[in-house]
Protein backbone atom coordinates (compact mmCIF):
# COMPACT_ATOMS: atom_id res chain seq x y z
CA MET A 1 94.30 -34.57 -57.40
CA ASN A 2 94.00 -33.34 -60.98
CA THR A 3 94.87 -29.72 -60.31
CA SER A 4 98.17 -28.36 -61.59
CA VAL A 5 101.22 -28.09 -59.37
CA ILE A 6 101.00 -24.29 -59.49
CA THR A 7 97.39 -24.42 -58.32
CA GLN A 8 98.35 -26.77 -55.49
CA LEU A 9 101.18 -24.48 -54.37
CA LEU A 10 98.86 -21.48 -54.45
CA GLY A 11 96.39 -23.47 -52.37
CA GLU A 12 99.03 -24.24 -49.76
CA PHE A 13 100.18 -20.60 -49.80
CA PHE A 14 96.70 -19.13 -49.36
CA GLY A 15 95.58 -21.81 -46.93
CA THR A 16 98.56 -21.28 -44.65
CA ALA A 17 98.11 -17.51 -44.85
CA ILE A 18 94.48 -17.95 -43.71
CA LEU A 19 95.56 -20.39 -41.01
CA VAL A 20 98.10 -17.94 -39.57
CA LEU A 21 95.84 -14.90 -39.96
CA LEU A 22 93.08 -16.58 -37.95
CA GLY A 23 95.37 -18.50 -35.56
CA ASP A 24 97.83 -15.73 -34.74
CA GLY A 25 94.87 -13.36 -34.87
CA VAL A 26 93.24 -15.05 -31.89
CA VAL A 27 96.54 -15.00 -29.98
CA ALA A 28 97.00 -11.29 -30.72
CA GLY A 29 93.45 -10.61 -29.59
CA VAL A 30 94.09 -12.37 -26.29
CA ASN A 31 97.58 -10.89 -25.75
CA LEU A 32 97.34 -7.27 -26.85
CA LYS A 33 96.12 -4.46 -24.64
CA LYS A 34 92.82 -2.75 -25.43
CA SER A 35 91.73 -5.63 -27.65
CA LYS A 36 88.16 -6.61 -26.82
CA SER A 37 89.31 -10.22 -26.35
CA ASN A 38 92.33 -9.32 -24.21
CA GLY A 39 92.76 -11.89 -21.45
CA ALA A 40 90.24 -14.36 -22.88
CA GLY A 41 92.57 -17.24 -22.06
CA TRP A 42 94.06 -20.48 -23.32
CA LEU A 43 90.78 -22.17 -24.23
CA THR A 44 90.00 -19.29 -26.56
CA VAL A 45 93.42 -19.68 -28.19
CA THR A 46 93.09 -23.44 -28.68
CA LEU A 47 89.55 -23.17 -30.05
CA GLY A 48 90.65 -20.37 -32.36
CA TRP A 49 93.54 -22.41 -33.73
CA GLY A 50 91.29 -25.43 -34.25
CA LEU A 51 88.81 -23.38 -36.24
CA ALA A 52 91.66 -21.70 -38.11
CA VAL A 53 92.82 -25.12 -39.34
CA THR A 54 89.29 -26.20 -40.28
CA PHE A 55 88.51 -23.16 -42.36
CA GLY A 56 92.01 -22.80 -43.75
CA VAL A 57 91.63 -26.30 -45.21
CA TYR A 58 88.04 -25.82 -46.40
CA MET A 59 88.84 -22.55 -48.17
CA VAL A 60 91.55 -24.12 -50.35
CA SER A 61 90.41 -27.75 -50.55
CA TRP A 62 89.51 -27.31 -54.22
CA MET A 63 93.10 -26.24 -54.94
CA SER A 64 95.33 -28.46 -52.80
CA PRO A 65 95.20 -31.21 -50.16
CA GLY A 66 95.30 -28.50 -47.49
CA HIS A 67 98.31 -29.77 -45.58
CA LEU A 68 99.26 -26.21 -44.52
CA ASN A 69 102.12 -27.73 -42.53
CA PRO A 70 105.53 -29.05 -43.70
CA ALA A 71 105.49 -31.74 -41.00
CA VAL A 72 102.18 -33.07 -42.35
CA THR A 73 103.45 -32.91 -45.93
CA LEU A 74 106.57 -34.86 -44.93
CA ALA A 75 104.52 -37.45 -43.02
CA MET A 76 102.21 -37.95 -46.00
CA ALA A 77 105.20 -38.51 -48.28
CA ILE A 78 106.78 -41.06 -45.91
CA ALA A 79 103.43 -42.86 -45.71
CA GLY A 80 103.28 -43.07 -49.51
CA LYS A 81 100.32 -40.71 -49.78
CA PHE A 82 102.14 -37.77 -51.37
CA ASP A 83 104.71 -37.13 -54.09
CA TRP A 84 108.22 -36.67 -52.67
CA ALA A 85 109.07 -34.21 -55.46
CA LEU A 86 106.49 -31.76 -54.06
CA VAL A 87 107.56 -31.86 -50.40
CA LEU A 88 110.05 -28.97 -50.61
CA PRO A 89 107.89 -26.78 -52.93
CA TYR A 90 104.93 -27.29 -50.59
CA ALA A 91 107.05 -26.34 -47.55
CA ILE A 92 108.27 -23.17 -49.26
CA ALA A 93 104.71 -22.18 -50.24
CA GLN A 94 103.52 -22.84 -46.68
CA ILE A 95 106.28 -20.74 -45.09
CA LEU A 96 105.66 -17.85 -47.50
CA GLY A 97 101.94 -18.04 -46.79
CA ALA A 98 102.64 -17.96 -43.06
CA ILE A 99 104.71 -14.80 -43.48
CA VAL A 100 101.85 -13.11 -45.33
CA GLY A 101 99.35 -14.22 -42.69
CA ALA A 102 101.55 -12.75 -39.95
CA VAL A 103 101.85 -9.44 -41.81
CA LEU A 104 98.05 -9.32 -42.03
CA VAL A 105 97.79 -9.89 -38.26
CA TRP A 106 100.19 -7.00 -37.70
CA LEU A 107 98.08 -4.72 -39.91
CA THR A 108 94.77 -5.89 -38.42
CA TYR A 109 95.90 -5.10 -34.86
CA PHE A 110 98.05 -2.14 -35.89
CA PRO A 111 97.12 0.35 -33.09
CA HIS A 112 97.39 -2.30 -30.36
CA TRP A 113 101.12 -2.98 -30.62
CA ALA A 114 101.89 0.53 -29.43
CA GLU A 115 99.52 0.03 -26.48
CA THR A 116 101.27 -3.20 -25.42
CA ASP A 117 104.59 -2.98 -23.57
CA ASP A 118 105.01 -6.74 -23.00
CA LYS A 119 107.59 -7.85 -25.57
CA ASP A 120 106.88 -11.53 -24.88
CA ALA A 121 103.18 -11.00 -25.54
CA ILE A 122 104.04 -9.31 -28.81
CA LEU A 123 106.37 -12.09 -29.94
CA GLY A 124 103.86 -14.68 -28.74
CA SER A 125 101.30 -13.15 -31.08
CA PHE A 126 103.54 -14.25 -33.96
CA SER A 127 105.49 -17.35 -32.94
CA THR A 128 105.74 -19.72 -30.00
CA GLU A 129 107.72 -19.41 -26.78
CA PRO A 130 108.18 -22.09 -24.11
CA ALA A 131 106.63 -21.71 -20.68
CA ILE A 132 109.83 -23.16 -19.17
CA ARG A 133 112.89 -22.98 -21.42
CA SER A 134 114.39 -26.44 -21.58
CA TYR A 135 115.30 -27.05 -25.19
CA TRP A 136 115.17 -30.84 -25.28
CA ALA A 137 112.04 -30.99 -23.13
CA ASN A 138 110.48 -28.39 -25.44
CA PHE A 139 111.64 -30.40 -28.46
CA PHE A 140 110.01 -33.54 -27.04
CA SER A 141 106.78 -31.64 -26.36
CA GLU A 142 106.63 -30.47 -29.98
CA LEU A 143 107.49 -33.98 -31.21
CA VAL A 144 104.69 -35.58 -29.19
CA GLY A 145 102.09 -32.99 -30.19
CA THR A 146 102.96 -33.29 -33.87
CA PHE A 147 103.04 -37.08 -33.64
CA ILE A 148 99.42 -37.03 -32.47
CA LEU A 149 98.50 -34.59 -35.24
CA ALA A 150 100.23 -36.45 -38.08
CA TYR A 151 99.15 -39.92 -36.94
CA GLY A 152 95.60 -38.66 -36.49
CA LEU A 153 95.51 -37.21 -40.00
CA LEU A 154 96.97 -40.41 -41.46
CA ALA A 155 94.32 -42.42 -39.60
CA LEU A 156 91.61 -40.12 -40.96
CA SER A 157 92.89 -40.84 -44.47
CA LYS A 158 91.99 -44.52 -43.89
CA ASN A 159 88.44 -43.74 -42.72
CA SER A 160 86.07 -43.20 -45.61
CA PHE A 161 83.20 -42.34 -43.25
CA ALA A 162 84.66 -38.90 -42.55
CA GLY A 163 84.64 -37.69 -46.16
CA GLY A 164 84.10 -33.93 -46.32
CA LEU A 165 84.14 -33.75 -42.52
CA ASN A 166 87.90 -34.36 -42.37
CA PRO A 167 88.75 -30.65 -41.93
CA ILE A 168 86.38 -30.47 -38.94
CA ALA A 169 87.99 -33.56 -37.44
CA ALA A 170 91.44 -32.03 -38.04
CA GLY A 171 90.36 -28.81 -36.32
CA LEU A 172 89.06 -30.71 -33.30
CA LEU A 173 92.33 -32.63 -33.20
CA ILE A 174 94.30 -29.36 -33.18
CA ALA A 175 92.11 -28.03 -30.37
CA VAL A 176 92.51 -31.10 -28.16
CA ILE A 177 96.27 -31.16 -28.75
CA GLY A 178 96.41 -27.55 -27.62
CA ILE A 179 94.27 -28.15 -24.54
CA SER A 180 96.10 -31.32 -23.50
CA LEU A 181 99.68 -30.89 -24.75
CA GLY A 182 100.11 -27.25 -25.72
CA GLY A 183 100.95 -25.82 -22.30
CA PRO A 184 104.73 -26.39 -22.31
CA THR A 185 105.52 -24.64 -25.62
CA GLY A 186 102.39 -23.04 -27.00
CA TYR A 187 102.25 -25.94 -29.48
CA ALA A 188 103.60 -24.87 -32.83
CA ILE A 189 103.27 -28.44 -34.23
CA ASN A 190 103.91 -26.82 -37.61
CA PRO A 191 107.29 -25.47 -38.78
CA ALA A 192 105.69 -22.98 -41.19
CA ARG A 193 103.27 -21.64 -38.57
CA ASP A 194 106.20 -20.72 -36.33
CA LEU A 195 109.03 -19.88 -38.73
CA GLY A 196 107.02 -17.69 -41.10
CA PRO A 197 105.63 -15.40 -38.38
CA ARG A 198 109.03 -15.31 -36.64
CA ILE A 199 110.57 -14.01 -39.88
CA ALA A 200 107.77 -11.43 -40.12
CA HIS A 201 108.38 -10.38 -36.50
CA GLN A 202 112.07 -9.94 -37.25
CA PHE A 203 111.56 -7.57 -40.17
CA LEU A 204 108.29 -5.75 -39.49
CA PRO A 205 108.46 -2.33 -37.76
CA ILE A 206 106.29 -3.52 -34.86
CA ALA A 207 105.91 -1.01 -32.04
CA ASN A 208 107.48 -2.12 -28.73
CA LYS A 209 108.81 -5.40 -30.11
CA GLY A 210 111.86 -7.11 -28.65
CA GLY A 211 114.04 -9.84 -30.13
CA SER A 212 112.67 -12.67 -32.26
CA ASP A 213 114.27 -15.38 -30.06
CA TRP A 214 116.16 -17.17 -32.82
CA ALA A 215 117.97 -19.27 -30.19
CA TYR A 216 114.69 -21.14 -29.65
CA SER A 217 113.54 -21.15 -33.28
CA TRP A 218 114.97 -24.59 -34.13
CA VAL A 219 112.67 -26.30 -31.62
CA PRO A 220 109.31 -25.53 -33.33
CA VAL A 221 110.85 -26.44 -36.69
CA PHE A 222 112.68 -29.70 -36.02
CA GLY A 223 110.44 -30.95 -33.20
CA PRO A 224 107.37 -31.06 -35.48
CA LEU A 225 109.35 -32.55 -38.37
CA ALA A 226 110.59 -35.32 -36.05
CA GLY A 227 107.05 -35.92 -34.81
CA GLY A 228 105.76 -36.21 -38.36
CA ILE A 229 108.49 -38.69 -39.26
CA VAL A 230 107.83 -40.90 -36.22
CA ALA A 231 104.07 -40.85 -36.87
CA ALA A 232 104.47 -41.83 -40.51
CA LEU A 233 106.92 -44.63 -39.73
CA LEU A 234 104.61 -46.06 -37.08
CA PHE A 235 101.64 -45.72 -39.43
CA ASN A 236 103.54 -47.68 -42.08
CA VAL A 237 104.38 -50.46 -39.62
CA VAL A 238 100.80 -50.69 -38.36
CA SER A 239 99.47 -50.68 -41.93
CA ILE A 240 101.73 -53.58 -42.87
CA MET A 241 100.71 -55.57 -39.80
CA SER A 242 96.97 -54.96 -40.21
């Protein structure tokens, strides 16, 4: 990519902001009272997140690779497809973008927070919560989901047939991960997507909010990072053998 580092970081920032605005936006619409999509269900959430990824990537693809996810950035670096020096700057830009996206969700649904008395539904509109709290089981769930995501994206990078359709394929991959594997934790599979909105939830004056559940926050950060590492290492082994 011939674009400057600053342009790439701005791309990751804006792309992740769009990703979270659209992704957390669909969750807020499903969770919050008096929203027209209230109660639309899990399929709506997974489809919304898949489309959020697709269009988040397309809207910044001329600026950056559109990783929008520190676990993906790390996996690409381990696989030799990305500059190690940019891993931390990309992650910072992605987390900051996620915070901005979460703030925009709060503003977009502003009247609905006061109408919603379910603190879990409010937090779940920003960051993930497990269906059954079992930290290591939750960690494994996030690892497996992110492994599928990162390995799938690495595999797509080897397939020239996809070309400009890669963001669509990535969005479909996100959707199927959510449908198949997202039930236990709400599938963060992206440290920025969870940490950024959790920070926003902590500091925003959201009506009726409860705690930000920092005791759980390490799971959707380190689980995805571990999944990205395992995927990249396996990809490297398979590439050498093939």
